[in-house]
Amino acid sequence: MTTTVFTLTQAYASEQNGNIPHIPPVRVFSTESGAYDYLVVFAKNRILDAFQDCLRDTLEGEGYDIEDLNTDEGLIEQFDHFIDHKSNVDIVNLLVEFEGGDFNFDISEHPTQSLVEMLENADLVEINGIKFSSFTIDLNDEECAISCETILPNHTVKECNIGYTALTDAVWNSSTKYWFVTDDHESYHVRTFNLVQQ
């Protein structure tokens, strides 16, 4: 079995709510090979939304008529045609290229798992440089929770619970080390974890 290494430095919410939440760097090490639907959707949205100039150059290089790329409607239409003829690996690799190498994916071509399933099934999860041997996301409750156990030498995680309404609703604040969580009714902060020196 090959090892899948997945690095995500920011996550985009769905087009419906229009928010752009950020999460701390997450690296997932798994012996199960597979590209993930979440990554492909994220890559498509990220490429289209944030890299339109670069995308125009890419499409023109692929032989698309530049006249068709001068309007947003034309660009999106040509982009959809362009994406339809690309594999998932090609799409994610384009994201890596546009991001300047900040994203690191080692994936196969066929999406098999959601982001949640990937995290729950991973052999090891690393968040902000802290490695967790278990990573559980409970999506059954109204307020979901993440619980982790660390394998970081000389440290233990006393508690790691994050309450949120959806993974993409949580915004990471790197200065306070809090997640900023919003839903339809209220916003609140939750501490991510409490490291205890042994």
N, C-alpha and C. Protein backbone atom coordinates (compact mmCIF):
# COMPACT_ATOMS: atom_id res chain seq x y z
N MET A 1 0.84 -1.20 0.00
CA MET A 1 0.00 0.00 0.00
C MET A 1 0.88 1.26 0.00
N THR A 2 0.43 2.25 -0.72
CA THR A 2 1.14 3.51 -0.72
C THR A 2 0.61 4.40 0.40
N THR A 3 1.44 5.32 0.84
CA THR A 3 1.03 6.26 1.88
C THR A 3 0.57 7.55 1.24
N THR A 4 -0.59 8.00 1.64
CA THR A 4 -1.14 9.26 1.14
C THR A 4 -0.78 10.37 2.12
N VAL A 5 -0.15 11.42 1.63
CA VAL A 5 0.16 12.59 2.43
C VAL A 5 -0.67 13.75 1.90
N PHE A 6 -1.50 14.30 2.76
CA PHE A 6 -2.44 15.35 2.36
C PHE A 6 -2.17 16.59 3.21
N THR A 7 -1.87 17.69 2.58
CA THR A 7 -1.63 18.94 3.30
C THR A 7 -2.65 19.98 2.86
N LEU A 8 -3.34 20.55 3.81
CA LEU A 8 -4.35 21.58 3.52
C LEU A 8 -4.07 22.79 4.39
N THR A 9 -3.85 23.95 3.80
CA THR A 9 -3.56 25.14 4.59
C THR A 9 -4.73 26.09 4.70
N GLN A 10 -5.73 25.95 3.85
CA GLN A 10 -6.94 26.74 4.04
C GLN A 10 -8.09 26.05 3.32
N ALA A 11 -9.28 26.26 3.85
CA ALA A 11 -10.45 25.59 3.29
C ALA A 11 -11.48 26.63 2.88
N TYR A 12 -12.13 26.38 1.78
CA TYR A 12 -13.16 27.30 1.30
C TYR A 12 -14.54 26.72 1.58
N ALA A 13 -15.42 27.57 2.04
CA ALA A 13 -16.79 27.14 2.28
C ALA A 13 -17.50 26.93 0.95
N SER A 14 -18.69 26.42 1.02
CA SER A 14 -19.46 26.19 -0.19
C SER A 14 -19.84 27.51 -0.84
N GLU A 15 -20.20 27.44 -2.12
CA GLU A 15 -20.59 28.65 -2.83
C GLU A 15 -21.86 29.27 -2.24
N GLN A 16 -22.66 28.47 -1.56
CA GLN A 16 -23.94 28.97 -1.07
C GLN A 16 -23.75 30.05 -0.01
N ASN A 17 -22.82 29.85 0.94
CA ASN A 17 -22.71 30.84 2.00
C ASN A 17 -21.63 31.89 1.72
N GLY A 18 -20.73 31.61 0.79
CA GLY A 18 -19.79 32.62 0.36
C GLY A 18 -18.68 32.94 1.34
N ASN A 19 -18.62 32.29 2.49
CA ASN A 19 -17.57 32.55 3.46
C ASN A 19 -16.28 31.84 3.05
N ILE A 20 -15.17 32.38 3.51
CA ILE A 20 -13.88 31.74 3.24
C ILE A 20 -13.20 31.47 4.58
N PRO A 21 -13.51 30.38 5.23
CA PRO A 21 -12.88 30.07 6.51
C PRO A 21 -11.46 29.55 6.32
N HIS A 22 -10.66 29.68 7.34
CA HIS A 22 -9.29 29.18 7.29
C HIS A 22 -9.10 28.16 8.40
N ILE A 23 -8.36 27.12 8.12
CA ILE A 23 -8.01 26.17 9.16
C ILE A 23 -6.50 26.06 9.21
N PRO A 24 -5.94 25.68 10.34
CA PRO A 24 -4.48 25.55 10.42
C PRO A 24 -4.01 24.42 9.53
N PRO A 25 -2.71 24.41 9.19
CA PRO A 25 -2.21 23.35 8.32
C PRO A 25 -2.51 21.97 8.87
N VAL A 26 -3.06 21.13 8.02
CA VAL A 26 -3.40 19.76 8.40
C VAL A 26 -2.68 18.81 7.46
N ARG A 27 -1.93 17.89 8.01
CA ARG A 27 -1.28 16.86 7.20
C ARG A 27 -1.83 15.52 7.64
N VAL A 28 -2.29 14.76 6.68
CA VAL A 28 -2.88 13.46 6.96
C VAL A 28 -2.03 12.38 6.32
N PHE A 29 -1.63 11.40 7.11
CA PHE A 29 -0.85 10.28 6.61
C PHE A 29 -1.72 9.04 6.65
N SER A 30 -1.98 8.46 5.51
CA SER A 30 -2.88 7.32 5.45
C SER A 30 -2.32 6.28 4.50
N THR A 31 -2.52 5.02 4.83
CA THR A 31 -2.06 3.95 3.94
C THR A 31 -3.07 3.66 2.85
N GLU A 32 -4.23 4.29 2.93
CA GLU A 32 -5.24 4.09 1.90
C GLU A 32 -5.09 5.15 0.82
N SER A 33 -4.80 4.71 -0.38
CA SER A 33 -4.60 5.64 -1.48
C SER A 33 -5.93 6.11 -2.02
N GLY A 34 -6.00 7.36 -2.43
CA GLY A 34 -7.24 7.85 -3.04
C GLY A 34 -7.32 9.35 -3.06
N ALA A 35 -7.81 9.91 -4.13
CA ALA A 35 -8.12 11.34 -4.17
C ALA A 35 -9.49 11.53 -3.53
N TYR A 36 -9.76 12.74 -3.09
CA TYR A 36 -10.97 12.97 -2.32
C TYR A 36 -11.83 14.03 -3.00
N ASP A 37 -13.13 13.79 -2.99
CA ASP A 37 -14.07 14.72 -3.61
C ASP A 37 -13.85 16.14 -3.10
N TYR A 38 -13.60 16.25 -1.81
CA TYR A 38 -13.44 17.57 -1.20
C TYR A 38 -12.29 18.33 -1.86
N LEU A 39 -11.17 17.65 -2.09
CA LEU A 39 -10.01 18.30 -2.65
C LEU A 39 -10.28 18.80 -4.06
N VAL A 40 -10.98 17.99 -4.83
CA VAL A 40 -11.24 18.36 -6.22
C VAL A 40 -12.18 19.56 -6.29
N VAL A 41 -13.24 19.54 -5.48
CA VAL A 41 -14.17 20.67 -5.44
C VAL A 41 -13.43 21.92 -4.97
N PHE A 42 -12.64 21.77 -3.93
CA PHE A 42 -11.86 22.89 -3.42
C PHE A 42 -10.93 23.44 -4.50
N ALA A 43 -10.25 22.55 -5.20
CA ALA A 43 -9.30 22.97 -6.23
C ALA A 43 -10.00 23.73 -7.34
N LYS A 44 -11.14 23.23 -7.78
CA LYS A 44 -11.88 23.91 -8.85
C LYS A 44 -12.28 25.32 -8.43
N ASN A 45 -12.84 25.44 -7.23
CA ASN A 45 -13.29 26.75 -6.76
C ASN A 45 -12.12 27.70 -6.55
N ARG A 46 -11.04 27.16 -5.99
CA ARG A 46 -9.87 27.99 -5.71
C ARG A 46 -9.24 28.50 -7.01
N ILE A 47 -9.12 27.64 -7.98
CA ILE A 47 -8.52 28.03 -9.26
C ILE A 47 -9.37 29.09 -9.93
N LEU A 48 -10.67 28.87 -9.96
CA LEU A 48 -11.57 29.79 -10.66
C LEU A 48 -11.66 31.14 -9.94
N ASP A 49 -11.77 31.12 -8.62
CA ASP A 49 -12.01 32.34 -7.86
C ASP A 49 -10.75 33.20 -7.70
N ALA A 50 -9.62 32.57 -7.45
CA ALA A 50 -8.44 33.32 -7.02
C ALA A 50 -7.39 33.49 -8.11
N PHE A 51 -7.51 32.75 -9.19
CA PHE A 51 -6.43 32.77 -10.17
C PHE A 51 -6.96 32.95 -11.59
N GLN A 52 -7.86 33.91 -11.76
CA GLN A 52 -8.48 34.06 -13.08
C GLN A 52 -7.47 34.51 -14.14
N ASP A 53 -6.55 35.39 -13.78
CA ASP A 53 -5.54 35.81 -14.77
C ASP A 53 -4.66 34.64 -15.17
N CYS A 54 -4.20 33.91 -14.17
CA CYS A 54 -3.37 32.74 -14.45
C CYS A 54 -4.17 31.70 -15.23
N LEU A 55 -5.44 31.59 -14.89
CA LEU A 55 -6.30 30.62 -15.57
C LEU A 55 -6.46 30.99 -17.03
N ARG A 56 -6.61 32.28 -17.31
CA ARG A 56 -6.72 32.71 -18.71
C ARG A 56 -5.48 32.28 -19.50
N ASP A 57 -4.30 32.50 -18.90
CA ASP A 57 -3.06 32.09 -19.57
C ASP A 57 -3.04 30.58 -19.79
N THR A 58 -3.50 29.84 -18.78
CA THR A 58 -3.51 28.39 -18.89
C THR A 58 -4.44 27.93 -20.00
N LEU A 59 -5.64 28.50 -20.02
CA LEU A 59 -6.61 28.11 -21.04
C LEU A 59 -6.13 28.50 -22.43
N GLU A 60 -5.53 29.69 -22.55
CA GLU A 60 -5.02 30.11 -23.85
C GLU A 60 -3.92 29.16 -24.31
N GLY A 61 -3.08 28.72 -23.35
CA GLY A 61 -2.03 27.77 -23.69
C GLY A 61 -2.57 26.42 -24.11
N GLU A 62 -3.79 26.11 -23.66
CA GLU A 62 -4.42 24.85 -24.03
C GLU A 62 -5.15 24.95 -25.36
N GLY A 63 -5.11 26.14 -26.00
CA GLY A 63 -5.71 26.29 -27.31
C GLY A 63 -7.08 26.93 -27.32
N TYR A 64 -7.55 27.40 -26.15
CA TYR A 64 -8.85 28.07 -26.12
C TYR A 64 -8.72 29.47 -26.70
N ASP A 65 -9.77 29.93 -27.35
CA ASP A 65 -9.78 31.24 -28.00
C ASP A 65 -9.83 32.32 -26.93
N ILE A 66 -8.84 33.22 -26.94
CA ILE A 66 -8.77 34.26 -25.93
C ILE A 66 -9.99 35.18 -25.99
N GLU A 67 -10.62 35.28 -27.17
CA GLU A 67 -11.82 36.11 -27.32
C GLU A 67 -12.94 35.60 -26.42
N ASP A 68 -12.96 34.28 -26.19
CA ASP A 68 -14.00 33.68 -25.36
C ASP A 68 -13.72 33.85 -23.87
N LEU A 69 -12.55 34.38 -23.53
CA LEU A 69 -12.16 34.46 -22.13
C LEU A 69 -12.23 35.88 -21.58
N ASN A 70 -12.76 36.81 -22.37
CA ASN A 70 -12.76 38.21 -21.96
C ASN A 70 -13.93 38.58 -21.07
N THR A 71 -14.90 37.71 -20.92
CA THR A 71 -16.02 37.96 -20.00
C THR A 71 -16.04 36.86 -18.96
N ASP A 72 -16.63 37.18 -17.80
CA ASP A 72 -16.73 36.17 -16.75
C ASP A 72 -17.51 34.96 -17.23
N GLU A 73 -18.60 35.23 -17.97
CA GLU A 73 -19.42 34.12 -18.46
C GLU A 73 -18.62 33.24 -19.41
N GLY A 74 -17.88 33.88 -20.31
CA GLY A 74 -17.08 33.11 -21.26
C GLY A 74 -15.98 32.34 -20.57
N LEU A 75 -15.36 32.96 -19.56
CA LEU A 75 -14.29 32.29 -18.83
C LEU A 75 -14.83 31.06 -18.11
N ILE A 76 -15.96 31.22 -17.43
CA ILE A 76 -16.54 30.10 -16.68
C ILE A 76 -16.95 28.98 -17.63
N GLU A 77 -17.53 29.35 -18.77
CA GLU A 77 -17.93 28.33 -19.73
C GLU A 77 -16.73 27.55 -20.25
N GLN A 78 -15.67 28.27 -20.59
CA GLN A 78 -14.47 27.60 -21.08
C GLN A 78 -13.78 26.82 -19.96
N PHE A 79 -13.84 27.38 -18.74
CA PHE A 79 -13.25 26.70 -17.59
C PHE A 79 -13.94 25.37 -17.34
N ASP A 80 -15.27 25.37 -17.42
CA ASP A 80 -16.02 24.12 -17.22
C ASP A 80 -15.63 23.09 -18.27
N HIS A 81 -15.49 23.53 -19.51
CA HIS A 81 -15.08 22.62 -20.58
C HIS A 81 -13.67 22.10 -20.32
N PHE A 82 -12.80 23.00 -19.88
CA PHE A 82 -11.41 22.65 -19.57
C PHE A 82 -11.34 21.62 -18.45
N ILE A 83 -12.11 21.86 -17.38
CA ILE A 83 -12.10 20.97 -16.22
C ILE A 83 -12.66 19.60 -16.58
N ASP A 84 -13.69 19.57 -17.41
CA ASP A 84 -14.31 18.31 -17.79
C ASP A 84 -13.34 17.36 -18.46
N HIS A 85 -12.28 17.88 -19.05
CA HIS A 85 -11.33 17.05 -19.77
C HIS A 85 -10.05 16.82 -18.97
N LYS A 86 -10.11 17.12 -17.68
CA LYS A 86 -8.95 16.91 -16.82
C LYS A 86 -9.26 15.86 -15.77
N SER A 87 -8.25 15.11 -15.41
CA SER A 87 -8.42 14.16 -14.31
C SER A 87 -8.37 14.91 -12.99
N ASN A 88 -8.78 14.25 -11.92
CA ASN A 88 -8.72 14.87 -10.60
C ASN A 88 -7.29 15.22 -10.22
N VAL A 89 -6.36 14.37 -10.59
CA VAL A 89 -4.96 14.65 -10.29
C VAL A 89 -4.50 15.91 -11.01
N ASP A 90 -4.89 16.05 -12.29
CA ASP A 90 -4.53 17.25 -13.05
C ASP A 90 -5.08 18.50 -12.38
N ILE A 91 -6.32 18.42 -11.92
CA ILE A 91 -6.97 19.58 -11.30
C ILE A 91 -6.23 19.99 -10.03
N VAL A 92 -5.92 19.02 -9.18
CA VAL A 92 -5.23 19.33 -7.93
C VAL A 92 -3.82 19.82 -8.22
N ASN A 93 -3.16 19.24 -9.21
CA ASN A 93 -1.82 19.70 -9.57
C ASN A 93 -1.83 21.14 -10.05
N LEU A 94 -2.90 21.54 -10.76
CA LEU A 94 -3.03 22.94 -11.16
C LEU A 94 -3.11 23.84 -9.94
N LEU A 95 -3.85 23.40 -8.93
CA LEU A 95 -3.94 24.16 -7.69
C LEU A 95 -2.57 24.32 -7.06
N VAL A 96 -1.81 23.24 -7.01
CA VAL A 96 -0.46 23.28 -6.44
C VAL A 96 0.39 24.28 -7.21
N GLU A 97 0.29 24.23 -8.53
CA GLU A 97 1.07 25.14 -9.38
C GLU A 97 0.69 26.59 -9.12
N PHE A 98 -0.60 26.88 -9.07
CA PHE A 98 -1.06 28.25 -8.87
C PHE A 98 -0.71 28.76 -7.48
N GLU A 99 -0.67 27.86 -6.49
CA GLU A 99 -0.38 28.27 -5.12
C GLU A 99 1.12 28.38 -4.86
N GLY A 100 1.93 28.12 -5.86
CA GLY A 100 3.38 28.22 -5.67
C GLY A 100 3.96 27.09 -4.85
N GLY A 101 3.31 25.94 -4.88
CA GLY A 101 3.85 24.78 -4.19
C GLY A 101 3.49 24.68 -2.73
N ASP A 102 2.55 25.52 -2.25
CA ASP A 102 2.17 25.47 -0.84
C ASP A 102 1.33 24.25 -0.50
N PHE A 103 0.75 23.63 -1.51
CA PHE A 103 -0.08 22.46 -1.30
C PHE A 103 0.70 21.21 -1.72
N ASN A 104 0.61 20.18 -0.93
CA ASN A 104 1.34 18.95 -1.21
C ASN A 104 0.37 17.78 -1.21
N PHE A 105 0.11 17.21 -2.36
CA PHE A 105 -0.81 16.10 -2.45
C PHE A 105 -0.12 14.89 -3.08
N ASP A 106 -0.34 13.75 -2.52
CA ASP A 106 0.09 12.50 -3.14
C ASP A 106 -1.16 11.63 -3.22
N ILE A 107 -1.84 11.67 -4.35
CA ILE A 107 -3.15 11.04 -4.43
C ILE A 107 -3.29 10.27 -5.71
N SER A 108 -4.19 9.31 -5.73
CA SER A 108 -4.52 8.61 -6.96
C SER A 108 -5.63 9.35 -7.68
N GLU A 109 -6.05 8.87 -8.80
CA GLU A 109 -6.91 9.66 -9.67
C GLU A 109 -8.38 9.61 -9.28
N HIS A 110 -8.83 8.60 -8.58
CA HIS A 110 -10.27 8.43 -8.38
C HIS A 110 -10.68 8.82 -6.96
N PRO A 111 -11.57 9.81 -6.82
CA PRO A 111 -12.01 10.22 -5.49
C PRO A 111 -12.82 9.12 -4.82
N THR A 112 -12.48 8.85 -3.56
CA THR A 112 -13.15 7.76 -2.85
C THR A 112 -13.72 8.18 -1.51
N GLN A 113 -13.22 9.28 -0.93
CA GLN A 113 -13.62 9.61 0.43
C GLN A 113 -13.87 11.10 0.57
N SER A 114 -14.68 11.45 1.52
CA SER A 114 -14.86 12.85 1.87
C SER A 114 -13.73 13.27 2.81
N LEU A 115 -13.62 14.58 3.05
CA LEU A 115 -12.61 15.07 3.98
C LEU A 115 -12.80 14.47 5.36
N VAL A 116 -14.03 14.41 5.82
CA VAL A 116 -14.31 13.85 7.14
C VAL A 116 -13.86 12.40 7.22
N GLU A 117 -14.24 11.60 6.22
CA GLU A 117 -13.85 10.20 6.22
C GLU A 117 -12.34 10.05 6.17
N MET A 118 -11.69 10.91 5.40
CA MET A 118 -10.24 10.85 5.29
C MET A 118 -9.58 11.10 6.64
N LEU A 119 -10.04 12.13 7.36
CA LEU A 119 -9.46 12.44 8.66
C LEU A 119 -9.71 11.32 9.66
N GLU A 120 -10.92 10.78 9.65
CA GLU A 120 -11.26 9.75 10.62
C GLU A 120 -10.50 8.45 10.35
N ASN A 121 -10.21 8.17 9.08
CA ASN A 121 -9.57 6.91 8.72
C ASN A 121 -8.05 7.01 8.63
N ALA A 122 -7.51 8.20 8.85
CA ALA A 122 -6.07 8.39 8.72
C ALA A 122 -5.33 7.66 9.83
N ASP A 123 -4.12 7.21 9.50
CA ASP A 123 -3.26 6.59 10.51
C ASP A 123 -2.65 7.64 11.44
N LEU A 124 -2.45 8.83 10.91
CA LEU A 124 -1.83 9.89 11.69
C LEU A 124 -2.28 11.23 11.14
N VAL A 125 -2.62 12.15 12.02
CA VAL A 125 -3.02 13.49 11.61
C VAL A 125 -2.12 14.49 12.31
N GLU A 126 -1.64 15.47 11.56
CA GLU A 126 -0.78 16.51 12.13
C GLU A 126 -1.45 17.86 11.92
N ILE A 127 -1.66 18.59 13.01
CA ILE A 127 -2.27 19.91 12.96
C ILE A 127 -1.33 20.90 13.64
N ASN A 128 -0.92 21.93 12.88
CA ASN A 128 0.02 22.91 13.43
C ASN A 128 1.26 22.26 14.02
N GLY A 129 1.75 21.22 13.37
CA GLY A 129 2.96 20.55 13.81
C GLY A 129 2.76 19.57 14.94
N ILE A 130 1.54 19.41 15.42
CA ILE A 130 1.25 18.47 16.50
C ILE A 130 0.61 17.23 15.91
N LYS A 131 1.19 16.08 16.20
CA LYS A 131 0.72 14.83 15.62
C LYS A 131 -0.33 14.18 16.54
N PHE A 132 -1.39 13.69 15.93
CA PHE A 132 -2.47 13.04 16.67
C PHE A 132 -2.65 11.63 16.14
N SER A 133 -2.67 10.67 17.05
CA SER A 133 -2.85 9.29 16.62
C SER A 133 -4.31 8.97 16.36
N SER A 134 -5.22 9.74 16.95
CA SER A 134 -6.64 9.55 16.66
C SER A 134 -7.27 10.91 16.41
N PHE A 135 -8.22 10.92 15.52
CA PHE A 135 -8.86 12.17 15.13
C PHE A 135 -10.29 11.84 14.79
N THR A 136 -11.21 12.20 15.67
CA THR A 136 -12.60 11.81 15.51
C THR A 136 -13.47 13.03 15.29
N ILE A 137 -14.29 12.98 14.28
CA ILE A 137 -15.24 14.05 14.01
C ILE A 137 -16.65 13.49 14.13
N ASP A 138 -17.41 14.03 15.04
CA ASP A 138 -18.78 13.58 15.25
C ASP A 138 -19.72 14.53 14.53
N LEU A 139 -20.30 14.07 13.43
CA LEU A 139 -21.19 14.92 12.65
C LEU A 139 -22.66 14.62 12.93
N ASN A 140 -22.94 13.81 13.94
CA ASN A 140 -24.32 13.43 14.23
C ASN A 140 -25.02 14.42 15.16
N ASP A 141 -24.24 15.11 15.99
CA ASP A 141 -24.83 16.05 16.93
C ASP A 141 -25.01 17.42 16.28
N GLU A 142 -25.86 18.23 16.90
CA GLU A 142 -26.08 19.58 16.37
C GLU A 142 -24.79 20.38 16.41
N GLU A 143 -24.06 20.26 17.50
CA GLU A 143 -22.73 20.86 17.58
C GLU A 143 -21.73 19.71 17.56
N CYS A 144 -20.95 19.65 16.49
CA CYS A 144 -20.03 18.54 16.32
C CYS A 144 -18.79 18.76 17.18
N ALA A 145 -18.02 17.71 17.36
CA ALA A 145 -16.84 17.80 18.20
C ALA A 145 -15.69 17.03 17.58
N ILE A 146 -14.50 17.56 17.77
CA ILE A 146 -13.28 16.86 17.37
C ILE A 146 -12.53 16.50 18.65
N SER A 147 -12.09 15.28 18.75
CA SER A 147 -11.27 14.88 19.89
C SER A 147 -10.00 14.23 19.37
N CYS A 148 -8.89 14.55 19.99
CA CYS A 148 -7.60 14.06 19.51
C CYS A 148 -6.76 13.55 20.68
N GLU A 149 -5.91 12.60 20.38
CA GLU A 149 -4.90 12.16 21.33
C GLU A 149 -3.55 12.32 20.65
N THR A 150 -2.62 12.94 21.32
CA THR A 150 -1.34 13.24 20.70
C THR A 150 -0.33 12.13 20.94
N ILE A 151 0.63 12.06 20.04
CA ILE A 151 1.78 11.19 20.26
C ILE A 151 3.05 12.04 20.26
N LEU A 152 2.89 13.34 20.51
CA LEU A 152 4.02 14.25 20.54
C LEU A 152 4.89 13.91 21.75
N PRO A 153 6.19 13.71 21.56
CA PRO A 153 7.07 13.35 22.68
C PRO A 153 7.03 14.41 23.78
N ASN A 154 6.98 13.94 25.02
CA ASN A 154 7.04 14.79 26.22
C ASN A 154 5.82 15.69 26.40
N HIS A 155 4.80 15.46 25.63
CA HIS A 155 3.56 16.22 25.78
C HIS A 155 2.37 15.27 25.72
N THR A 156 1.33 15.66 26.39
CA THR A 156 0.06 14.98 26.21
C THR A 156 -1.01 16.03 25.96
N VAL A 157 -2.04 15.64 25.28
CA VAL A 157 -3.16 16.55 25.10
C VAL A 157 -4.19 16.24 26.18
N LYS A 158 -4.38 17.18 27.08
CA LYS A 158 -5.34 16.97 28.16
C LYS A 158 -6.75 16.96 27.62
N GLU A 159 -7.02 17.85 26.68
CA GLU A 159 -8.36 17.92 26.11
C GLU A 159 -8.27 18.58 24.75
N CYS A 160 -9.00 18.07 23.82
CA CYS A 160 -9.06 18.68 22.50
C CYS A 160 -10.46 18.53 21.95
N ASN A 161 -11.29 19.47 22.21
CA ASN A 161 -12.66 19.44 21.72
C ASN A 161 -12.98 20.73 20.99
N ILE A 162 -13.56 20.61 19.84
CA ILE A 162 -13.96 21.77 19.06
C ILE A 162 -15.45 21.64 18.76
N GLY A 163 -16.23 22.60 19.20
CA GLY A 163 -17.64 22.60 18.86
C GLY A 163 -17.88 23.47 17.64
N TYR A 164 -18.59 22.96 16.68
CA TYR A 164 -18.86 23.73 15.48
C TYR A 164 -20.05 23.14 14.76
N THR A 165 -20.66 23.91 13.89
CA THR A 165 -21.83 23.42 13.17
C THR A 165 -21.47 22.70 11.89
N ALA A 166 -20.32 23.02 11.33
CA ALA A 166 -19.82 22.31 10.15
C ALA A 166 -18.33 22.61 10.05
N LEU A 167 -17.59 21.71 9.44
CA LEU A 167 -16.15 21.90 9.37
C LEU A 167 -15.79 23.22 8.71
N THR A 168 -16.52 23.58 7.66
CA THR A 168 -16.19 24.80 6.93
C THR A 168 -16.75 26.05 7.59
N ASP A 169 -17.39 25.92 8.75
CA ASP A 169 -17.86 27.09 9.48
C ASP A 169 -16.85 27.58 10.49
N ALA A 170 -15.78 26.84 10.70
CA ALA A 170 -14.80 27.18 11.73
C ALA A 170 -13.65 27.98 11.11
N VAL A 171 -13.34 29.13 11.69
CA VAL A 171 -12.27 29.99 11.20
C VAL A 171 -11.15 30.01 12.23
N TRP A 172 -9.94 29.66 11.80
CA TRP A 172 -8.80 29.57 12.71
C TRP A 172 -8.17 30.95 12.89
N ASN A 173 -7.94 31.34 14.14
CA ASN A 173 -7.23 32.57 14.46
C ASN A 173 -5.87 32.19 15.01
N SER A 174 -4.83 32.38 14.20
CA SER A 174 -3.50 31.88 14.58
C SER A 174 -2.91 32.63 15.76
N SER A 175 -3.30 33.89 15.97
CA SER A 175 -2.73 34.66 17.06
C SER A 175 -3.31 34.24 18.41
N THR A 176 -4.60 33.93 18.45
CA THR A 176 -5.22 33.54 19.71
C THR A 176 -5.28 32.03 19.89
N LYS A 177 -4.97 31.29 18.82
CA LYS A 177 -5.05 29.83 18.83
C LYS A 177 -6.48 29.36 19.14
N TYR A 178 -7.44 30.14 18.66
CA TYR A 178 -8.84 29.78 18.81
C TYR A 178 -9.46 29.53 17.44
N TRP A 179 -10.49 28.69 17.43
CA TRP A 179 -11.37 28.65 16.27
C TRP A 179 -12.47 29.67 16.49
N PHE A 180 -12.80 30.44 15.48
CA PHE A 180 -13.94 31.35 15.52
C PHE A 180 -15.07 30.67 14.77
N VAL A 181 -16.14 30.37 15.47
CA VAL A 181 -17.21 29.55 14.92
C VAL A 181 -18.45 30.39 14.73
N THR A 182 -19.08 30.25 13.58
CA THR A 182 -20.32 30.99 13.32
C THR A 182 -21.39 30.03 12.84
N ASP A 183 -22.61 30.36 13.17
CA ASP A 183 -23.74 29.65 12.59
C ASP A 183 -24.81 30.69 12.28
N ASP A 184 -26.01 30.26 12.05
CA ASP A 184 -27.07 31.19 11.66
C ASP A 184 -27.48 32.14 12.78
N HIS A 185 -27.15 31.79 14.01
CA HIS A 185 -27.70 32.54 15.14
C HIS A 185 -26.64 33.27 15.96
N GLU A 186 -25.45 32.73 16.05
CA GLU A 186 -24.48 33.33 16.95
C GLU A 186 -23.06 33.00 16.50
N SER A 187 -22.11 33.73 17.07
CA SER A 187 -20.69 33.47 16.84
C SER A 187 -20.02 33.28 18.19
N TYR A 188 -19.04 32.41 18.25
CA TYR A 188 -18.37 32.17 19.52
C TYR A 188 -17.00 31.57 19.27
N HIS A 189 -16.16 31.60 20.29
CA HIS A 189 -14.82 31.07 20.20
C HIS A 189 -14.71 29.78 21.00
N VAL A 190 -13.89 28.87 20.53
CA VAL A 190 -13.61 27.67 21.30
C VAL A 190 -12.12 27.39 21.23
N ARG A 191 -11.55 27.00 22.36
CA ARG A 191 -10.13 26.63 22.41
C ARG A 191 -9.95 25.28 21.75
N THR A 192 -8.88 25.12 21.01
CA THR A 192 -8.71 23.87 20.28
C THR A 192 -8.15 22.76 21.15
N PHE A 193 -7.03 23.00 21.82
CA PHE A 193 -6.50 21.93 22.65
C PHE A 193 -5.65 22.51 23.77
N ASN A 194 -5.38 21.71 24.76
CA ASN A 194 -4.60 22.12 25.91
C ASN A 194 -3.42 21.18 26.06
N LEU A 195 -2.22 21.63 25.67
CA LEU A 195 -1.02 20.79 25.77
C LEU A 195 -0.47 20.85 27.19
N VAL A 196 -0.10 19.71 27.71
CA VAL A 196 0.45 19.61 29.05
C VAL A 196 1.85 19.02 28.96
N GLN A 197 2.85 19.76 29.46
CA GLN A 197 4.23 19.26 29.46
C GLN A 197 4.36 18.16 30.50
N GLN A 198 4.93 17.03 30.11
CA GLN A 198 5.09 15.92 31.05
C GLN A 198 6.30 16.17 31.95
